[in-house]
C-alpha atoms as a PDB file:
ATOM      1  CA  MET A   1      -1.204  -5.932   3.870  1.00  0.00           C
ATOM      2  CA  LYS A   2       1.054  -3.061   5.085  1.00  0.00           C
ATOM      3  CA  LEU A   3       0.356   0.334   3.485  1.00  0.00           C
ATOM      4  CA  PHE A   4       2.128   3.727   3.857  1.00  0.00           C
ATOM      5  CA  ASN A   5       1.061   7.311   3.595  1.00  0.00           C
ATOM      6  CA  GLY A   6       3.538  10.143   3.086  1.00  0.00           C
ATOM      7  CA  SER A   7       2.555  13.403   4.945  1.00  0.00           C
ATOM      8  CA  ASN A   8       3.778  16.357   6.818  1.00  0.00           C
ATOM      9  CA  VAL A   9       1.746  15.221   9.897  1.00  0.00           C
ATOM     10  CA  VAL A  10       0.997  12.078  11.796  1.00  0.00           C
ATOM     11  CA  VAL A  11      -2.420  10.641  10.553  1.00  0.00           C
ATOM     12  CA  GLN A  12      -3.652   8.213  13.161  1.00  0.00           C
ATOM     13  CA  ASN A  13      -7.301   8.640  11.996  1.00  0.00           C
ATOM     14  CA  PRO A  14      -7.428   9.104   8.189  1.00  0.00           C
ATOM     15  CA  LYS A  15     -10.295  11.028   6.663  1.00  0.00           C
ATOM     16  CA  ILE A  16     -11.714  11.405   3.256  1.00  0.00           C
ATOM     17  CA  LEU A  17     -10.472  14.641   1.808  1.00  0.00           C
ATOM     18  CA  THR A  18     -11.357  16.736  -1.130  1.00  0.00           C
ATOM     19  CA  PRO A  19      -8.035  17.628  -2.583  1.00  0.00           C
ATOM     20  CA  ASN A  20      -7.134  21.139  -3.636  1.00  0.00           C
ATOM     21  CA  ARG A  21      -6.024  19.716  -7.105  1.00  0.00           C
ATOM     22  CA  LEU A  22      -7.239  16.836  -9.372  1.00  0.00           C
ATOM     23  CA  LEU A  23      -5.720  13.558  -8.523  1.00  0.00           C
ATOM     24  CA  ASP A  24      -5.525  10.111 -10.228  1.00  0.00           C
ATOM     25  CA  PHE A  25      -8.399   8.438  -8.513  1.00  0.00           C
ATOM     26  CA  GLY A  26     -10.430  11.313  -7.215  1.00  0.00           C
ATOM     27  CA  GLU A  27     -11.012  12.330  -3.629  1.00  0.00           C
ATOM     28  CA  GLY A  28     -10.180  10.231  -0.577  1.00  0.00           C
ATOM     29  CA  PHE A  29      -7.227   9.118   1.459  1.00  0.00           C
ATOM     30  CA  TYR A  30      -4.201   7.959  -0.523  1.00  0.00           C
ATOM     31  CA  THR A  31      -1.695   5.214   0.485  1.00  0.00           C
ATOM     32  CA  THR A  32       0.773   2.983  -1.174  1.00  0.00           C
ATOM     33  CA  SER A  33       2.401  -0.409  -0.582  1.00  0.00           C
ATOM     34  CA  SER A  34       5.758   1.193  -1.526  1.00  0.00           C
ATOM     35  CA  TYR A  35       7.786   2.708   1.356  1.00  0.00           C
ATOM     36  CA  GLU A  36       9.889   4.457  -1.262  1.00  0.00           C
ATOM     37  CA  GLN A  37       6.776   6.089  -2.765  1.00  0.00           C
ATOM     38  CA  ALA A  38       5.498   7.140   0.607  1.00  0.00           C
ATOM     39  CA  TYR A  39       8.952   8.677   1.285  1.00  0.00           C
ATOM     40  CA  ARG A  40       8.632  10.810  -1.914  1.00  0.00           C
ATOM     41  CA  TRP A  41       5.115  11.839  -0.987  1.00  0.00           C
ATOM     42  CA  ALA A  42       6.256  12.983   2.439  1.00  0.00           C
ATOM     43  CA  SER A  43       9.034  15.066   1.035  1.00  0.00           C
ATOM     44  CA  ARG A  44       6.662  16.593  -1.553  1.00  0.00           C
ATOM     45  CA  VAL A  45       3.948  17.334   1.023  1.00  0.00           C
ATOM     46  CA  LYS A  46       6.350  18.959   3.427  1.00  0.00           C
ATOM     47  CA  SER A  47       7.763  21.079   0.635  1.00  0.00           C
ATOM     48  CA  ARG A  48       4.306  22.089  -0.553  1.00  0.00           C
ATOM     49  CA  GLN A  49       2.820  22.854   2.783  1.00  0.00           C
ATOM     50  CA  LYS A  50       6.047  24.527   4.089  1.00  0.00           C
ATOM     51  CA  THR A  51       5.151  23.234   7.646  1.00  0.00           C
ATOM     52  CA  GLY A  52       5.201  20.121   9.630  1.00  0.00           C
ATOM     53  CA  GLN A  53       7.753  17.268   9.222  1.00  0.00           C
ATOM     54  CA  GLN A  54       8.330  14.512   6.762  1.00  0.00           C
ATOM     55  CA  ILE A  55       6.183  11.619   8.217  1.00  0.00           C
ATOM     56  CA  ILE A  56       5.527   8.140   6.960  1.00  0.00           C
ATOM     57  CA  ASN A  57       2.301   6.797   8.430  1.00  0.00           C
ATOM     58  CA  ILE A  58       2.177   2.963   8.442  1.00  0.00           C
ATOM     59  CA  TYR A  59      -1.188   1.004   8.394  1.00  0.00           C
ATOM     60  CA  GLU A  60      -2.449  -2.487   8.182  1.00  0.00           C
ATOM     61  CA  PHE A  61      -5.048  -3.017   5.426  1.00  0.00           C
ATOM     62  CA  ASP A  62      -7.585  -5.822   5.860  1.00  0.00           C
ATOM     63  CA  ARG A  63      -7.969  -6.511   2.103  1.00  0.00           C
ATOM     64  CA  SER A  64      -9.789  -9.762   2.606  1.00  0.00           C
ATOM     65  CA  GLY A  65     -12.438  -8.118   4.784  1.00  0.00           C
ATOM     66  CA  ALA A  66     -12.820  -5.190   2.430  1.00  0.00           C
ATOM     67  CA  GLU A  67     -13.222  -7.503  -0.582  1.00  0.00           C
ATOM     68  CA  LYS A  68     -16.173  -9.280   1.022  1.00  0.00           C
ATOM     69  CA  ASN A  69     -18.034  -5.965   1.870  1.00  0.00           C
ATOM     70  CA  LEU A  70     -16.936  -3.211  -0.464  1.00  0.00           C
ATOM     71  CA  LYS A  71     -16.484  -2.371  -4.163  1.00  0.00           C
ATOM     72  CA  ILE A  72     -12.822  -2.354  -5.100  1.00  0.00           C
ATOM     73  CA  LEU A  73     -11.449  -1.202  -8.439  1.00  0.00           C
ATOM     74  CA  ASP A  74      -8.188  -2.763  -9.244  1.00  0.00           C
ATOM     75  CA  PHE A  75      -5.839  -1.711 -11.914  1.00  0.00           C
ATOM     76  CA  ASP A  76      -2.956  -4.219 -12.121  1.00  0.00           C
ATOM     77  CA  PHE A  77      -0.977  -2.178 -14.706  1.00  0.00           C
ATOM     78  CA  PRO A  78      -1.385   0.979 -16.914  1.00  0.00           C
ATOM     79  CA  ASP A  79      -3.843  -0.119 -19.528  1.00  0.00           C
ATOM     80  CA  SER A  80      -6.548   1.612 -21.503  1.00  0.00           C
ATOM     81  CA  GLN A  81      -9.190   1.247 -18.622  1.00  0.00           C
ATOM     82  CA  TRP A  82      -6.604   2.767 -16.111  1.00  0.00           C
ATOM     83  CA  LEU A  83      -5.768   5.523 -18.526  1.00  0.00           C
ATOM     84  CA  ASN A  84      -9.382   6.514 -19.140  1.00  0.00           C
ATOM     85  CA  PHE A  85     -10.225   6.405 -15.387  1.00  0.00           C
ATOM     86  CA  VAL A  86      -7.217   8.646 -14.530  1.00  0.00           C
ATOM     87  CA  THR A  87      -7.960  10.991 -17.356  1.00  0.00           C
ATOM     88  CA  VAL A  88     -11.536  11.420 -16.254  1.00  0.00           C
ATOM     89  CA  CYS A  89     -10.500  11.868 -12.426  1.00  0.00           C
ATOM     90  CA  ARG A  90      -7.832  14.373 -13.307  1.00  0.00           C
ATOM     91  CA  SER A  91     -10.245  16.344 -15.597  1.00  0.00           C
ATOM     92  CA  GLY A  92     -12.763  16.863 -12.775  1.00  0.00           C
ATOM     93  CA  ARG A  93     -15.550  15.318 -14.826  1.00  0.00           C
ATOM     94  CA  ASN A  94     -18.188  13.532 -12.770  1.00  0.00           C
ATOM     95  CA  ILE A  95     -17.613   9.696 -12.644  1.00  0.00           C
ATOM     96  CA  ASN A  96     -20.958   7.729 -12.533  1.00  0.00           C
ATOM     97  CA  LEU A  97     -19.026   4.819 -11.077  1.00  0.00           C
ATOM     98  CA  THR A  98     -19.309   3.927  -7.380  1.00  0.00           C
ATOM     99  CA  TYR A  99     -16.358   2.370  -5.655  1.00  0.00           C
ATOM    100  CA  ASP A 100     -15.013   2.344  -2.182  1.00  0.00           C
ATOM    101  CA  ILE A 101     -11.357   1.624  -2.934  1.00  0.00           C
ATOM    102  CA  ALA A 102      -9.297   2.058  -5.995  1.00  0.00           C
ATOM    103  CA  THR A 103      -5.742   0.501  -6.535  1.00  0.00           C
ATOM    104  CA  GLY A 104      -3.292   0.797  -9.339  1.00  0.00           C
ATOM    105  CA  PRO A 105      -0.376   2.667 -10.808  1.00  0.00           C
ATOM    106  CA  VAL A 106       0.425   6.267  -9.851  1.00  0.00           C
ATOM    107  CA  ALA A 107       0.527   8.877 -12.705  1.00  0.00           C
ATOM    108  CA  ASN A 108       3.576  10.636 -11.429  1.00  0.00           C
ATOM    109  CA  ASP A 109       4.903  13.730 -13.159  1.00  0.00           C
ATOM    110  CA  ASN A 110       6.577  11.883 -16.071  1.00  0.00           C
ATOM    111  CA  VAL A 111       3.511   9.665 -16.582  1.00  0.00           C
ATOM    112  CA  TYR A 112       1.069  12.635 -16.292  1.00  0.00           C
ATOM    113  CA  ALA A 113       3.087  14.578 -18.885  1.00  0.00           C
ATOM    114  CA  THR A 114       2.414  11.635 -21.260  1.00  0.00           C
ATOM    115  CA  ILE A 115      -1.283  11.608 -20.229  1.00  0.00           C
ATOM    116  CA  GLN A 116      -1.542  15.368 -21.136  1.00  0.00           C
ATOM    117  CA  LEU A 117      -0.144  14.523 -24.576  1.00  0.00           C
ATOM    118  CA  TYR A 118      -2.889  11.944 -24.885  1.00  0.00           C
ATOM    119  CA  GLU A 119      -5.605  14.427 -23.737  1.00  0.00           C
ATOM    120  CA  THR A 120      -4.625  16.900 -26.284  1.00  0.00           C
ATOM    121  CA  GLY A 121      -4.694  14.332 -29.095  1.00  0.00           C
ATOM    122  CA  LEU A 122      -0.948  14.315 -29.683  1.00  0.00           C
ATOM    123  CA  LEU A 123      -0.666  10.634 -28.689  1.00  0.00           C
ATOM    124  CA  SER A 124      -2.937   7.796 -29.408  1.00  0.00           C
ATOM    125  CA  GLU A 125      -4.180   5.661 -26.519  1.00  0.00           C
ATOM    126  CA  ALA A 126      -1.796   2.810 -27.676  1.00  0.00           C
ATOM    127  CA  GLU A 127       1.171   5.270 -27.873  1.00  0.00           C
ATOM    128  CA  THR A 128       0.419   6.570 -24.426  1.00  0.00           C
ATOM    129  CA  ILE A 129       0.279   3.168 -22.807  1.00  0.00           C
ATOM    130  CA  THR A 130       3.430   2.152 -24.531  1.00  0.00           C
ATOM    131  CA  ARG A 131       5.235   5.129 -23.147  1.00  0.00           C
ATOM    132  CA  ILE A 132       3.779   4.768 -19.665  1.00  0.00           C
ATOM    133  CA  LYS A 133       4.941   1.129 -19.417  1.00  0.00           C
ATOM    134  CA  VAL A 134       8.597   2.263 -19.864  1.00  0.00           C
ATOM    135  CA  GLU A 135       8.332   4.463 -16.807  1.00  0.00           C
ATOM    136  CA  LYS A 136       8.990   3.192 -13.171  1.00  0.00           C
ATOM    137  CA  VAL A 137       5.466   3.210 -11.843  1.00  0.00           C
ATOM    138  CA  PHE A 138       4.560   2.935  -8.266  1.00  0.00           C
ATOM    139  CA  ASN A 139       1.155   1.868  -6.936  1.00  0.00           C
ATOM    140  CA  GLN A 140      -1.420   3.709  -4.930  1.00  0.00           C
ATOM    141  CA  VAL A 141      -4.424   2.512  -2.859  1.00  0.00           C
ATOM    142  CA  LEU A 142      -7.156   5.159  -2.544  1.00  0.00           C
ATOM    143  CA  PHE A 143      -9.792   4.827   0.240  1.00  0.00           C
ATOM    144  CA  HIS A 144     -12.660   6.650  -1.367  1.00  0.00           C
ATOM    145  CA  THR A 145     -15.433   6.240   1.254  1.00  0.00           C
ATOM    146  CA  GLU A 146     -15.796   6.452   4.981  1.00  0.00           C
ATOM    147  CA  GLN A 147     -16.742   2.931   5.139  1.00  0.00           C
ATOM    148  CA  SER A 148     -13.487   1.836   3.409  1.00  0.00           C
ATOM    149  CA  LEU A 149     -11.490   3.390   6.178  1.00  0.00           C
ATOM    150  CA  ASP A 150     -12.890   0.861   8.614  1.00  0.00           C
ATOM    151  CA  TYR A 151     -10.439  -1.710   6.911  1.00  0.00           C
ATOM    152  CA  LEU A 152      -7.383   0.466   7.585  1.00  0.00           C
ATOM    153  CA  SER A 153      -5.608   0.375  11.004  1.00  0.00           C
ATOM    154  CA  PHE A 154      -2.945   2.732  12.104  1.00  0.00           C
ATOM    155  CA  ILE A 155       0.239   0.885  13.237  1.00  0.00           C
ATOM    156  CA  LYS A 156       2.863   3.619  13.743  1.00  0.00           C
ATOM    157  CA  TYR A 157       4.640   6.449  12.117  1.00  0.00           C
ATOM    158  CA  GLU A 158       8.176   7.284  11.247  1.00  0.00           C
ATOM    159  CA  ASN A 159       9.658  10.782  11.072  1.00  0.00           C
ATOM    160  CA  ILE A 160      12.041  10.691   8.076  1.00  0.00           C
ATOM    161  CA  VAL A 161      14.497  12.964   9.750  1.00  0.00           C
ATOM    162  CA  ASP A 162      14.708  10.605  12.695  1.00  0.00           C
ATOM    163  CA  ALA A 163      15.043   7.568  10.444  1.00  0.00           C
ATOM    164  CA  VAL A 164      17.848   9.172   8.402  1.00  0.00           C
ATOM    165  CA  ASN A 165      19.706  10.432  11.361  1.00  0.00           C
ATOM    166  CA  GLY A 166      19.567   6.986  13.051  1.00  0.00           C
END
């Protein structure tokens, strides 16, 4: 399975990183199966870091090998389990759940605004999920442990500026 990572640098050897902000699935190395999503991430990271280039790193993920040896959390769509997991991860609370890889929808800015309304009690769980389902939601694959990175192989990278300029 091909996965992409949007960055401002080439990442041939991914590492598990503790982010400087709270993210959907916690700490780790984030990828997506969507080239479009990786493109957006590359643009956002370049803008936020104010250095580097807009890079899309491309990997091959040995999903079948990972399934045999690792614990994988799969959220196929934004449901109550996904919502509660993302809410806990983004709150910074400790999760007593061990996993190596997590996959599922991305809580982008629009989705996260809805989640914030849920967290403050302005929306019920059912209302929140209904609102999220009308958003265009991309996926993410988080590699949460060092062992999980053994199933991810760097293929190549693309510099977005080079790709756009042909």
